[in-house]
Structures are given as structure tokens and as C-alpha cells.
Amino acid sequence: MAKALFRAQDVATANLLEAVPVVAGAIVSKTLVDCGSGKWIVFAMDGGQAISEHHTPFFLTVLVLDGKLDFAVGGKKHTLGPGDWLCAPSNAEHDLVAASPTRFLLTLVRA
């Protein structure tokens, strides 16, 4: 696993839109902080890219930075745009599709 950009015990700043570029035909991610009980990851997905249904043992939140993301939780689709935020409980089945080139911040917190 790649090393996180920042350590949880440090003060840091970052421009999240510059942290991960959108790459044609790809999904790119960069872990900002991983402190064991939580993880903050920036994703960039080209339009049409998808992550198939899965679950995680973490409570999760998604904050869309730019673009348009179709994020389904338990089979219910939520269309999210810039500034939209979604949360889902641990172990919730979810999948996502970038309806256009999209960047978002994923937060995972051990429940």
C-alpha cells in the first residue's frame, strides 16, 4: 500500500483538486492520512469509470469536490455534485459510477 501524504500528528494543508488528477479512462486515488481508526482518501475517476458493489467495515462519507457521481447504497442511487456529501453505515453494500470526470474525498472511520 502506498504511503499516506500526511501523518495524523502533523499540521498539514493540501489542495484536494490538485492532489489527484483525473486520468483518461482510469480511477486514481491517493491516501491523505491513515491513522488506523480512520482513513482519508482522495479519488479521481474519469467519466464512465465505476467501482462495483462492495462493502467495508468502516462508516464512510463521500464529499464530491467536482464532477458528478452516482453513488448507490443498498440499491438506492444518489446523484451527487460539487459540495454534496453522503454518509453510509459500516458494511452497507455500495457501488459508484462517475457520470462525468469526478473527484471526491472518501472518509472511512472504524465503527
PDB file of N, CA and C in Angstrom:
ATOM      1  N   MET A   1       0.851  -1.170   0.000  1.00  0.00           N
ATOM      2  CA  MET A   1       0.000   0.000   0.000  1.00  0.00           C
ATOM      3  C   MET A   1       0.897   1.233   0.000  1.00  0.00           C
ATOM      4  N   ALA A   2       0.519   2.234  -0.772  1.00  0.00           N
ATOM      5  CA  ALA A   2       1.288   3.466  -0.855  1.00  0.00           C
ATOM      6  C   ALA A   2       1.227   4.235   0.456  1.00  0.00           C
ATOM      7  N   LYS A   3       2.292   4.936   0.732  1.00  0.00           N
ATOM      8  CA  LYS A   3       2.376   5.738   1.951  1.00  0.00           C
ATOM      9  C   LYS A   3       1.428   6.933   1.857  1.00  0.00           C
ATOM     10  N   ALA A   4       0.799   7.267   2.983  1.00  0.00           N
ATOM     11  CA  ALA A   4      -0.084   8.423   3.042  1.00  0.00           C
ATOM     12  C   ALA A   4       0.739   9.702   2.867  1.00  0.00           C
ATOM     13  N   LEU A   5       0.100  10.732   2.321  1.00  0.00           N
ATOM     14  CA  LEU A   5       0.774  12.013   2.128  1.00  0.00           C
ATOM     15  C   LEU A   5       1.140  12.688   3.444  1.00  0.00           C
ATOM     16  N   PHE A   6       0.274  12.540   4.457  1.00  0.00           N
ATOM     17  CA  PHE A   6       0.466  13.253   5.716  1.00  0.00           C
ATOM     18  C   PHE A   6       0.356  12.297   6.895  1.00  0.00           C
ATOM     19  N   ARG A   7       0.985  12.686   8.000  1.00  0.00           N
ATOM     20  CA  ARG A   7       0.876  11.933   9.244  1.00  0.00           C
ATOM     21  C   ARG A   7      -0.187  12.594  10.110  1.00  0.00           C
ATOM     22  N   ALA A   8      -0.941  11.807  10.850  1.00  0.00           N
ATOM     23  CA  ALA A   8      -2.039  12.322  11.671  1.00  0.00           C
ATOM     24  C   ALA A   8      -1.556  13.274  12.758  1.00  0.00           C
ATOM     25  N   GLN A   9      -0.332  13.162  13.189  1.00  0.00           N
ATOM     26  CA  GLN A   9       0.160  14.022  14.264  1.00  0.00           C
ATOM     27  C   GLN A   9       0.734  15.349  13.760  1.00  0.00           C
ATOM     28  N   ASP A  10       0.733  15.583  12.451  1.00  0.00           N
ATOM     29  CA  ASP A  10       1.282  16.812  11.875  1.00  0.00           C
ATOM     30  C   ASP A  10       0.177  17.762  11.425  1.00  0.00           C
ATOM     31  N   VAL A  11       0.482  19.039  11.405  1.00  0.00           N
ATOM     32  CA  VAL A  11      -0.392  20.034  10.790  1.00  0.00           C
ATOM     33  C   VAL A  11      -0.029  20.061   9.308  1.00  0.00           C
ATOM     34  N   ALA A  12      -1.037  20.026   8.435  1.00  0.00           N
ATOM     35  CA  ALA A  12      -0.767  19.994   7.001  1.00  0.00           C
ATOM     36  C   ALA A  12      -1.907  20.657   6.241  1.00  0.00           C
ATOM     37  N   THR A  13      -1.609  21.117   5.044  1.00  0.00           N
ATOM     38  CA  THR A  13      -2.628  21.649   4.145  1.00  0.00           C
ATOM     39  C   THR A  13      -2.426  21.027   2.773  1.00  0.00           C
ATOM     40  N   ALA A  14      -3.502  20.982   2.010  1.00  0.00           N
ATOM     41  CA  ALA A  14      -3.420  20.449   0.647  1.00  0.00           C
ATOM     42  C   ALA A  14      -4.577  20.989  -0.173  1.00  0.00           C
ATOM     43  N   ASN A  15      -4.348  21.183  -1.443  1.00  0.00           N
ATOM     44  CA  ASN A  15      -5.418  21.483  -2.379  1.00  0.00           C
ATOM     45  C   ASN A  15      -5.885  20.138  -2.912  1.00  0.00           C
ATOM     46  N   LEU A  16      -7.062  19.707  -2.504  1.00  0.00           N
ATOM     47  CA  LEU A  16      -7.525  18.365  -2.854  1.00  0.00           C
ATOM     48  C   LEU A  16      -7.737  18.190  -4.349  1.00  0.00           C
ATOM     49  N   LEU A  17      -8.103  19.255  -5.056  1.00  0.00           N
ATOM     50  CA  LEU A  17      -8.288  19.148  -6.510  1.00  0.00           C
ATOM     51  C   LEU A  17      -6.960  18.948  -7.229  1.00  0.00           C
ATOM     52  N   GLU A  18      -5.879  19.404  -6.623  1.00  0.00           N
ATOM     53  CA  GLU A  18      -4.559  19.206  -7.218  1.00  0.00           C
ATOM     54  C   GLU A  18      -3.894  17.917  -6.738  1.00  0.00           C
ATOM     55  N   ALA A  19      -4.381  17.343  -5.659  1.00  0.00           N
ATOM     56  CA  ALA A  19      -3.758  16.154  -5.076  1.00  0.00           C
ATOM     57  C   ALA A  19      -3.830  14.941  -5.998  1.00  0.00           C
ATOM     58  N   VAL A  20      -4.931  14.828  -6.742  1.00  0.00           N
ATOM     59  CA  VAL A  20      -5.125  13.676  -7.626  1.00  0.00           C
ATOM     60  C   VAL A  20      -5.735  14.161  -8.935  1.00  0.00           C
ATOM     61  N   PRO A  21      -5.008  14.019 -10.036  1.00  0.00           N
ATOM     62  CA  PRO A  21      -5.560  14.446 -11.328  1.00  0.00           C
ATOM     63  C   PRO A  21      -6.512  13.397 -11.894  1.00  0.00           C
ATOM     64  N   VAL A  22      -7.466  13.846 -12.695  1.00  0.00           N
ATOM     65  CA  VAL A  22      -8.311  12.918 -13.440  1.00  0.00           C
ATOM     66  C   VAL A  22      -7.480  12.407 -14.608  1.00  0.00           C
ATOM     67  N   VAL A  23      -7.420  11.089 -14.771  1.00  0.00           N
ATOM     68  CA  VAL A  23      -6.664  10.456 -15.844  1.00  0.00           C
ATOM     69  C   VAL A  23      -7.661   9.768 -16.778  1.00  0.00           C
ATOM     70  N   ALA A  24      -7.536  10.020 -18.073  1.00  0.00           N
ATOM     71  CA  ALA A  24      -8.460   9.446 -19.058  1.00  0.00           C
ATOM     72  C   ALA A  24      -8.554   7.931 -18.895  1.00  0.00           C
ATOM     73  N   GLY A  25      -9.798   7.448 -18.761  1.00  0.00           N
ATOM     74  CA  GLY A  25     -10.066   6.011 -18.697  1.00  0.00           C
ATOM     75  C   GLY A  25      -9.618   5.328 -17.413  1.00  0.00           C
ATOM     76  N   ALA A  26      -9.396   6.103 -16.349  1.00  0.00           N
ATOM     77  CA  ALA A  26      -8.820   5.497 -15.146  1.00  0.00           C
ATOM     78  C   ALA A  26      -9.493   5.980 -13.866  1.00  0.00           C
ATOM     79  N   ILE A  27      -9.191   5.245 -12.798  1.00  0.00           N
ATOM     80  CA  ILE A  27      -9.531   5.630 -11.430  1.00  0.00           C
ATOM     81  C   ILE A  27      -8.201   5.777 -10.698  1.00  0.00           C
ATOM     82  N   VAL A  28      -7.996   6.933 -10.082  1.00  0.00           N
ATOM     83  CA  VAL A  28      -6.763   7.212  -9.354  1.00  0.00           C
ATOM     84  C   VAL A  28      -7.140   7.574  -7.926  1.00  0.00           C
ATOM     85  N   SER A  29      -6.344   7.140  -6.954  1.00  0.00           N
ATOM     86  CA  SER A  29      -6.606   7.529  -5.573  1.00  0.00           C
ATOM     87  C   SER A  29      -5.299   7.833  -4.862  1.00  0.00           C
ATOM     88  N   LYS A  30      -5.398   8.662  -3.840  1.00  0.00           N
ATOM     89  CA  LYS A  30      -4.232   8.997  -3.017  1.00  0.00           C
ATOM     90  C   LYS A  30      -4.695   9.105  -1.571  1.00  0.00           C
ATOM     91  N   THR A  31      -4.075   8.333  -0.688  1.00  0.00           N
ATOM     92  CA  THR A  31      -4.390   8.411   0.731  1.00  0.00           C
ATOM     93  C   THR A  31      -3.735   9.653   1.318  1.00  0.00           C
ATOM     94  N   LEU A  32      -4.550  10.491   1.933  1.00  0.00           N
ATOM     95  CA  LEU A  32      -4.038  11.693   2.586  1.00  0.00           C
ATOM     96  C   LEU A  32      -3.501  11.355   3.972  1.00  0.00           C
ATOM     97  N   VAL A  33      -4.340  10.682   4.782  1.00  0.00           N
ATOM     98  CA  VAL A  33      -3.984  10.309   6.153  1.00  0.00           C
ATOM     99  C   VAL A  33      -4.558   8.925   6.438  1.00  0.00           C
ATOM    100  N   ASP A  34      -3.763   8.097   7.124  1.00  0.00           N
ATOM    101  CA  ASP A  34      -4.224   6.793   7.603  1.00  0.00           C
ATOM    102  C   ASP A  34      -3.752   6.673   9.044  1.00  0.00           C
ATOM    103  N   CYS A  35      -4.716   6.794   9.978  1.00  0.00           N
ATOM    104  CA  CYS A  35      -4.330   6.774  11.396  1.00  0.00           C
ATOM    105  C   CYS A  35      -4.830   5.520  12.114  1.00  0.00           C
ATOM    106  N   GLY A  36      -5.169   4.490  11.363  1.00  0.00           N
ATOM    107  CA  GLY A  36      -5.629   3.246  11.982  1.00  0.00           C
ATOM    108  C   GLY A  36      -7.122   3.216  12.213  1.00  0.00           C
ATOM    109  N   SER A  37      -7.647   4.186  12.946  1.00  0.00           N
ATOM    110  CA  SER A  37      -9.083   4.222  13.206  1.00  0.00           C
ATOM    111  C   SER A  37      -9.836   4.974  12.111  1.00  0.00           C
ATOM    112  N   GLY A  38      -9.097   5.636  11.229  1.00  0.00           N
ATOM    113  CA  GLY A  38      -9.719   6.367  10.139  1.00  0.00           C
ATOM    114  C   GLY A  38      -8.763   6.565   8.984  1.00  0.00           C
ATOM    115  N   LYS A  39      -9.339   6.799   7.818  1.00  0.00           N
ATOM    116  CA  LYS A  39      -8.538   6.999   6.614  1.00  0.00           C
ATOM    117  C   LYS A  39      -9.249   8.024   5.743  1.00  0.00           C
ATOM    118  N   TRP A  40      -8.466   8.930   5.147  1.00  0.00           N
ATOM    119  CA  TRP A  40      -8.981   9.961   4.247  1.00  0.00           C
ATOM    120  C   TRP A  40      -8.297   9.779   2.912  1.00  0.00           C
ATOM    121  N   ILE A  41      -9.100   9.552   1.853  1.00  0.00           N
ATOM    122  CA  ILE A  41      -8.575   9.223   0.533  1.00  0.00           C
ATOM    123  C   ILE A  41      -9.244  10.122  -0.506  1.00  0.00           C
ATOM    124  N   VAL A  42      -8.437  10.711  -1.384  1.00  0.00           N
ATOM    125  CA  VAL A  42      -8.976  11.484  -2.495  1.00  0.00           C
ATOM    126  C   VAL A  42      -8.993  10.579  -3.725  1.00  0.00           C
ATOM    127  N   PHE A  43     -10.134  10.533  -4.408  1.00  0.00           N
ATOM    128  CA  PHE A  43     -10.299   9.754  -5.631  1.00  0.00           C
ATOM    129  C   PHE A  43     -10.510  10.673  -6.815  1.00  0.00           C
ATOM    130  N   ALA A  44     -10.023  10.263  -7.965  1.00  0.00           N
ATOM    131  CA  ALA A  44     -10.315  10.911  -9.241  1.00  0.00           C
ATOM    132  C   ALA A  44     -10.754   9.806 -10.200  1.00  0.00           C
ATOM    133  N   MET A  45     -11.947   9.982 -10.780  1.00  0.00           N
ATOM    134  CA  MET A  45     -12.488   8.981 -11.707  1.00  0.00           C
ATOM    135  C   MET A  45     -12.877   9.670 -13.002  1.00  0.00           C
ATOM    136  N   ASP A  46     -12.421   9.114 -14.114  1.00  0.00           N
ATOM    137  CA  ASP A  46     -12.849   9.640 -15.398  1.00  0.00           C
ATOM    138  C   ASP A  46     -14.321   9.279 -15.596  1.00  0.00           C
ATOM    139  N   GLY A  47     -15.004  10.075 -16.403  1.00  0.00           N
ATOM    140  CA  GLY A  47     -16.404   9.798 -16.684  1.00  0.00           C
ATOM    141  C   GLY A  47     -16.592   8.382 -17.211  1.00  0.00           C
ATOM    142  N   GLY A  48     -17.593   7.690 -16.673  1.00  0.00           N
ATOM    143  CA  GLY A  48     -17.885   6.320 -17.086  1.00  0.00           C
ATOM    144  C   GLY A  48     -17.178   5.260 -16.259  1.00  0.00           C
ATOM    145  N   GLN A  49     -16.180   5.642 -15.490  1.00  0.00           N
ATOM    146  CA  GLN A  49     -15.490   4.677 -14.641  1.00  0.00           C
ATOM    147  C   GLN A  49     -16.383   4.288 -13.469  1.00  0.00           C
ATOM    148  N   ALA A  50     -16.258   3.044 -13.025  1.00  0.00           N
ATOM    149  CA  ALA A  50     -17.145   2.533 -11.974  1.00  0.00           C
ATOM    150  C   ALA A  50     -16.369   1.675 -10.987  1.00  0.00           C
ATOM    151  N   ILE A  51     -16.884   1.610  -9.779  1.00  0.00           N
ATOM    152  CA  ILE A  51     -16.407   0.675  -8.765  1.00  0.00           C
ATOM    153  C   ILE A  51     -17.597  -0.194  -8.411  1.00  0.00           C
ATOM    154  N   SER A  52     -17.437  -1.507  -8.607  1.00  0.00           N
ATOM    155  CA  SER A  52     -18.549  -2.441  -8.434  1.00  0.00           C
ATOM    156  C   SER A  52     -18.963  -2.555  -6.974  1.00  0.00           C
ATOM    157  N   GLU A  53     -20.137  -3.146  -6.783  1.00  0.00           N
ATOM    158  CA  GLU A  53     -20.716  -3.247  -5.443  1.00  0.00           C
ATOM    159  C   GLU A  53     -19.771  -3.975  -4.490  1.00  0.00           C
ATOM    160  N   HIS A  54     -19.623  -3.409  -3.323  1.00  0.00           N
ATOM    161  CA  HIS A  54     -18.781  -3.971  -2.276  1.00  0.00           C
ATOM    162  C   HIS A  54     -19.234  -3.394  -0.933  1.00  0.00           C
ATOM    163  N   HIS A  55     -18.585  -3.797   0.140  1.00  0.00           N
ATOM    164  CA  HIS A  55     -18.863  -3.220   1.459  1.00  0.00           C
ATOM    165  C   HIS A  55     -17.549  -3.085   2.200  1.00  0.00           C
ATOM    166  N   THR A  56     -17.565  -2.296   3.241  1.00  0.00           N
ATOM    167  CA  THR A  56     -16.380  -2.074   4.063  1.00  0.00           C
ATOM    168  C   THR A  56     -16.810  -2.059   5.531  1.00  0.00           C
ATOM    169  N   PRO A  57     -15.942  -2.502   6.423  1.00  0.00           N
ATOM    170  CA  PRO A  57     -16.311  -2.493   7.838  1.00  0.00           C
ATOM    171  C   PRO A  57     -16.224  -1.108   8.479  1.00  0.00           C
ATOM    172  N   PHE A  58     -16.080  -0.073   7.655  1.00  0.00           N
ATOM    173  CA  PHE A  58     -15.967   1.297   8.139  1.00  0.00           C
ATOM    174  C   PHE A  58     -17.241   2.086   7.849  1.00  0.00           C
ATOM    175  N   PHE A  59     -17.603   3.006   8.769  1.00  0.00           N
ATOM    176  CA  PHE A  59     -18.566   4.059   8.467  1.00  0.00           C
ATOM    177  C   PHE A  59     -17.883   4.905   7.404  1.00  0.00           C
ATOM    178  N   LEU A  60     -18.611   5.346   6.382  1.00  0.00           N
ATOM    179  CA  LEU A  60     -17.965   6.106   5.318  1.00  0.00           C
ATOM    180  C   LEU A  60     -18.721   7.382   5.005  1.00  0.00           C
ATOM    181  N   THR A  61     -17.960   8.365   4.537  1.00  0.00           N
ATOM    182  CA  THR A  61     -18.553   9.579   3.992  1.00  0.00           C
ATOM    183  C   THR A  61     -17.879   9.872   2.662  1.00  0.00           C
ATOM    184  N   VAL A  62     -18.634  10.511   1.783  1.00  0.00           N
ATOM    185  CA  VAL A  62     -18.133  10.939   0.475  1.00  0.00           C
ATOM    186  C   VAL A  62     -18.486  12.405   0.318  1.00  0.00           C
ATOM    187  N   LEU A  63     -17.489  13.224  -0.016  1.00  0.00           N
ATOM    188  CA  LEU A  63     -17.695  14.634  -0.308  1.00  0.00           C
ATOM    189  C   LEU A  63     -17.217  14.868  -1.736  1.00  0.00           C
ATOM    190  N   VAL A  64     -18.139  15.202  -2.633  1.00  0.00           N
ATOM    191  CA  VAL A  64     -17.780  15.424  -4.040  1.00  0.00           C
ATOM    192  C   VAL A  64     -17.133  16.799  -4.163  1.00  0.00           C
ATOM    193  N   LEU A  65     -15.966  16.822  -4.788  1.00  0.00           N
ATOM    194  CA  LEU A  65     -15.219  18.065  -4.988  1.00  0.00           C
ATOM    195  C   LEU A  65     -15.543  18.701  -6.329  1.00  0.00           C
ATOM    196  N   ASP A  66     -15.633  17.878  -7.368  1.00  0.00           N
ATOM    197  CA  ASP A  66     -16.055  18.349  -8.693  1.00  0.00           C
ATOM    198  C   ASP A  66     -16.615  17.172  -9.476  1.00  0.00           C
ATOM    199  N   GLY A  67     -17.341  17.466 -10.545  1.00  0.00           N
ATOM    200  CA  GLY A  67     -17.927  16.414 -11.366  1.00  0.00           C
ATOM    201  C   GLY A  67     -19.290  15.970 -10.873  1.00  0.00           C
ATOM    202  N   LYS A  68     -19.660  14.754 -11.271  1.00  0.00           N
ATOM    203  CA  LYS A  68     -20.969  14.195 -10.923  1.00  0.00           C
ATOM    204  C   LYS A  68     -20.792  12.706 -10.664  1.00  0.00           C
ATOM    205  N   LEU A  69     -21.259  12.260  -9.497  1.00  0.00           N
ATOM    206  CA  LEU A  69     -21.059  10.889  -9.056  1.00  0.00           C
ATOM    207  C   LEU A  69     -22.399  10.247  -8.739  1.00  0.00           C
ATOM    208  N   ASP A  70     -22.638   9.079  -9.309  1.00  0.00           N
ATOM    209  CA  ASP A  70     -23.811   8.276  -8.956  1.00  0.00           C
ATOM    210  C   ASP A  70     -23.339   7.243  -7.940  1.00  0.00           C
ATOM    211  N   PHE A  71     -23.792   7.390  -6.699  1.00  0.00           N
ATOM    212  CA  PHE A  71     -23.352   6.555  -5.591  1.00  0.00           C
ATOM    213  C   PHE A  71     -24.568   5.825  -5.055  1.00  0.00           C
ATOM    214  N   ALA A  72     -24.579   4.511  -5.183  1.00  0.00           N
ATOM    215  CA  ALA A  72     -25.712   3.713  -4.719  1.00  0.00           C
ATOM    216  C   ALA A  72     -25.367   3.043  -3.395  1.00  0.00           C
ATOM    217  N   VAL A  73     -26.284   3.126  -2.446  1.00  0.00           N
ATOM    218  CA  VAL A  73     -26.140   2.462  -1.149  1.00  0.00           C
ATOM    219  C   VAL A  73     -27.369   1.591  -0.956  1.00  0.00           C
ATOM    220  N   GLY A  74     -27.135   0.293  -0.754  1.00  0.00           N
ATOM    221  CA  GLY A  74     -28.254  -0.622  -0.571  1.00  0.00           C
ATOM    222  C   GLY A  74     -29.220  -0.605  -1.744  1.00  0.00           C
ATOM    223  N   GLY A  75     -28.701  -0.381  -2.947  1.00  0.00           N
ATOM    224  CA  GLY A  75     -29.521  -0.374  -4.157  1.00  0.00           C
ATOM    225  C   GLY A  75     -30.198   0.951  -4.468  1.00  0.00           C
ATOM    226  N   LYS A  76     -30.109   1.941  -3.572  1.00  0.00           N
ATOM    227  CA  LYS A  76     -30.721   3.242  -3.820  1.00  0.00           C
ATOM    228  C   LYS A  76     -29.656   4.213  -4.337  1.00  0.00           C
ATOM    229  N   LYS A  77     -29.896   4.749  -5.549  1.00  0.00           N
ATOM    230  CA  LYS A  77     -28.930   5.636  -6.193  1.00  0.00           C
ATOM    231  C   LYS A  77     -29.078   7.073  -5.700  1.00  0.00           C
ATOM    232  N   HIS A  78     -27.925   7.691  -5.421  1.00  0.00           N
ATOM    233  CA  HIS A  78     -27.852   9.097  -5.017  1.00  0.00           C
ATOM    234  C   HIS A  78     -26.940   9.794  -6.018  1.00  0.00           C
ATOM    235  N   THR A  79     -27.443  10.810  -6.697  1.00  0.00           N
ATOM    236  CA  THR A  79     -26.627  11.577  -7.636  1.00  0.00           C
ATOM    237  C   THR A  79     -26.053  12.768  -6.895  1.00  0.00           C
ATOM    238  N   LEU A  80     -24.721  12.853  -6.871  1.00  0.00           N
ATOM    239  CA  LEU A  80     -24.007  13.852  -6.092  1.00  0.00           C
ATOM    240  C   LEU A  80     -23.189  14.756  -6.999  1.00  0.00           C
ATOM    241  N   GLY A  81     -23.183  16.041  -6.696  1.00  0.00           N
ATOM    242  CA  GLY A  81     -22.382  17.013  -7.423  1.00  0.00           C
ATOM    243  C   GLY A  81     -21.474  17.753  -6.464  1.00  0.00           C
ATOM    244  N   PRO A  82     -20.754  18.766  -6.955  1.00  0.00           N
ATOM    245  CA  PRO A  82     -19.809  19.501  -6.121  1.00  0.00           C
ATOM    246  C   PRO A  82     -20.460  20.032  -4.833  1.00  0.00           C
ATOM    247  N   GLY A  83     -19.817  19.743  -3.718  1.00  0.00           N
ATOM    248  CA  GLY A  83     -20.315  20.177  -2.420  1.00  0.00           C
ATOM    249  C   GLY A  83     -21.284  19.213  -1.780  1.00  0.00           C
ATOM    250  N   ASP A  84     -21.758  18.202  -2.516  1.00  0.00           N
ATOM    251  CA  ASP A  84     -22.692  17.224  -1.935  1.00  0.00           C
ATOM    252  C   ASP A  84     -21.927  16.218  -1.089  1.00  0.00           C
ATOM    253  N   TRP A  85     -22.579  15.804  -0.012  1.00  0.00           N
ATOM    254  CA  TRP A  85     -21.990  14.901   0.971  1.00  0.00           C
ATOM    255  C   TRP A  85     -22.936  13.750   1.223  1.00  0.00           C
ATOM    256  N   LEU A  86     -22.390  12.557   1.377  1.00  0.00           N
ATOM    257  CA  LEU A  86     -23.169  11.356   1.652  1.00  0.00           C
ATOM    258  C   LEU A  86     -22.477  10.598   2.771  1.00  0.00           C
ATOM    259  N   CYS A  87     -23.268   9.986   3.650  1.00  0.00           N
ATOM    260  CA  CYS A  87     -22.690   9.086   4.642  1.00  0.00           C
ATOM    261  C   CYS A  87     -23.434   7.761   4.589  1.00  0.00           C
ATOM    262  N   ALA A  88     -22.732   6.701   4.962  1.00  0.00           N
ATOM    263  CA  ALA A  88     -23.321   5.364   4.955  1.00  0.00           C
ATOM    264  C   ALA A  88     -22.739   4.561   6.114  1.00  0.00           C
ATOM    265  N   PRO A  89     -23.558   3.690   6.707  1.00  0.00           N
ATOM    266  CA  PRO A  89     -23.079   2.907   7.846  1.00  0.00           C
ATOM    267  C   PRO A  89     -22.081   1.833   7.427  1.00  0.00           C
ATOM    268  N   SER A  90     -21.355   1.333   8.390  1.00  0.00           N
ATOM    269  CA  SER A  90     -20.412   0.252   8.112  1.00  0.00           C
ATOM    270  C   SER A  90     -21.162  -0.949   7.547  1.00  0.00           C
ATOM    271  N   ASN A  91     -20.493  -1.649   6.668  1.00  0.00           N
ATOM    272  CA  ASN A  91     -20.978  -2.859   5.998  1.00  0.00           C
ATOM    273  C   ASN A  91     -22.130  -2.630   5.027  1.00  0.00           C
ATOM    274  N   ALA A  92     -22.457  -1.378   4.710  1.00  0.00           N
ATOM    275  CA  ALA A  92     -23.506  -1.103   3.724  1.00  0.00           C
ATOM    276  C   ALA A  92     -22.976  -1.429   2.327  1.00  0.00           C
ATOM    277  N   GLU A  93     -23.738  -2.209   1.582  1.00  0.00           N
ATOM    278  CA  GLU A  93     -23.366  -2.507   0.197  1.00  0.00           C
ATOM    279  C   GLU A  93     -23.461  -1.213  -0.610  1.00  0.00           C
ATOM    280  N   HIS A  94     -22.432  -0.914  -1.400  1.00  0.00           N
ATOM    281  CA  HIS A  94     -22.444   0.307  -2.198  1.00  0.00           C
ATOM    282  C   HIS A  94     -21.630   0.123  -3.475  1.00  0.00           C
ATOM    283  N   ASP A  95     -21.979   0.915  -4.477  1.00  0.00           N
ATOM    284  CA  ASP A  95     -21.232   0.964  -5.730  1.00  0.00           C
ATOM    285  C   ASP A  95     -21.308   2.383  -6.262  1.00  0.00           C
ATOM    286  N   LEU A  96     -20.436   2.718  -7.197  1.00  0.00           N
ATOM    287  CA  LEU A  96     -20.419   4.076  -7.705  1.00  0.00           C
ATOM    288  C   LEU A  96     -19.972   4.132  -9.151  1.00  0.00           C
ATOM    289  N   VAL A  97     -20.490   5.166  -9.840  1.00  0.00           N
ATOM    290  CA  VAL A  97     -20.149   5.428 -11.242  1.00  0.00           C
ATOM    291  C   VAL A  97     -19.941   6.929 -11.380  1.00  0.00           C
ATOM    292  N   ALA A  98     -18.840   7.314 -12.012  1.00  0.00           N
ATOM    293  CA  ALA A  98     -18.613   8.727 -12.311  1.00  0.00           C
ATOM    294  C   ALA A  98     -19.401   9.068 -13.568  1.00  0.00           C
ATOM    295  N   ALA A  99     -20.409   9.924 -13.430  1.00  0.00           N
ATOM    296  CA  ALA A  99     -21.227  10.320 -14.582  1.00  0.00           C
ATOM    297  C   ALA A  99     -20.470  11.300 -15.469  1.00  0.00           C
ATOM    298  N   SER A 100     -19.448  11.942 -14.906  1.00  0.00           N
ATOM    299  CA  SER A 100     -18.533  12.817 -15.637  1.00  0.00           C
ATOM    300  C   SER A 100     -17.207  12.736 -14.890  1.00  0.00           C
ATOM    301  N   PRO A 101     -16.123  13.289 -15.420  1.00  0.00           N
ATOM    302  CA  PRO A 101     -14.882  13.276 -14.642  1.00  0.00           C
ATOM    303  C   PRO A 101     -15.142  13.868 -13.253  1.00  0.00           C
ATOM    304  N   THR A 102     -14.753  13.131 -12.215  1.00  0.00           N
ATOM    305  CA  THR A 102     -15.152  13.458 -10.848  1.00  0.00           C
ATOM    306  C   THR A 102     -14.005  13.238  -9.874  1.00  0.00           C
ATOM    307  N   ARG A 103     -13.922  14.126  -8.895  1.00  0.00           N
ATOM    308  CA  ARG A 103     -13.002  13.945  -7.770  1.00  0.00           C
ATOM    309  C   ARG A 103     -13.801  14.058  -6.479  1.00  0.00           C
ATOM    310  N   PHE A 104     -13.458  13.198  -5.521  1.00  0.00           N
ATOM    311  CA  PHE A 104     -14.173  13.208  -4.247  1.00  0.00           C
ATOM    312  C   PHE A 104     -13.263  12.767  -3.115  1.00  0.00           C
ATOM    313  N   LEU A 105     -13.638  13.185  -1.916  1.00  0.00           N
ATOM    314  CA  LEU A 105     -12.929  12.795  -0.706  1.00  0.00           C
ATOM    315  C   LEU A 105     -13.733  11.698  -0.012  1.00  0.00           C
ATOM    316  N   LEU A 106     -13.104  10.559   0.173  1.00  0.00           N
ATOM    317  CA  LEU A 106     -13.698   9.430   0.906  1.00  0.00           C
ATOM    318  C   LEU A 106     -13.089   9.403   2.295  1.00  0.00           C
ATOM    319  N   THR A 107     -13.958   9.355   3.307  1.00  0.00           N
ATOM    320  CA  THR A 107     -13.510   9.219   4.695  1.00  0.00           C
ATOM    321  C   THR A 107     -14.035   7.895   5.223  1.00  0.00           C
ATOM    322  N   LEU A 108     -13.151   7.117   5.816  1.00  0.00           N
ATOM    323  CA  LEU A 108     -13.513   5.833   6.416  1.00  0.00           C
ATOM    324  C   LEU A 108     -13.186   5.903   7.898  1.00  0.00           C
ATOM    325  N   VAL A 109     -14.165   5.578   8.746  1.00  0.00           N
ATOM    326  CA  VAL A 109     -13.981   5.623  10.195  1.00  0.00           C
ATOM    327  C   VAL A 109     -14.387   4.271  10.766  1.00  0.00           C
ATOM    328  N   ARG A 110     -13.488   3.686  11.548  1.00  0.00           N
ATOM    329  CA  ARG A 110     -13.804   2.391  12.168  1.00  0.00           C
ATOM    330  C   ARG A 110     -14.964   2.589  13.135  1.00  0.00           C
ATOM    331  N   ALA A 111     -16.029   1.822  12.936  1.00  0.00           N
ATOM    332  CA  ALA A 111     -17.237   1.971  13.758  1.00  0.00           C
ATOM    333  C   ALA A 111     -17.076   1.284  15.084  1.00  0.00           C
TER     334      ALA A 111
END
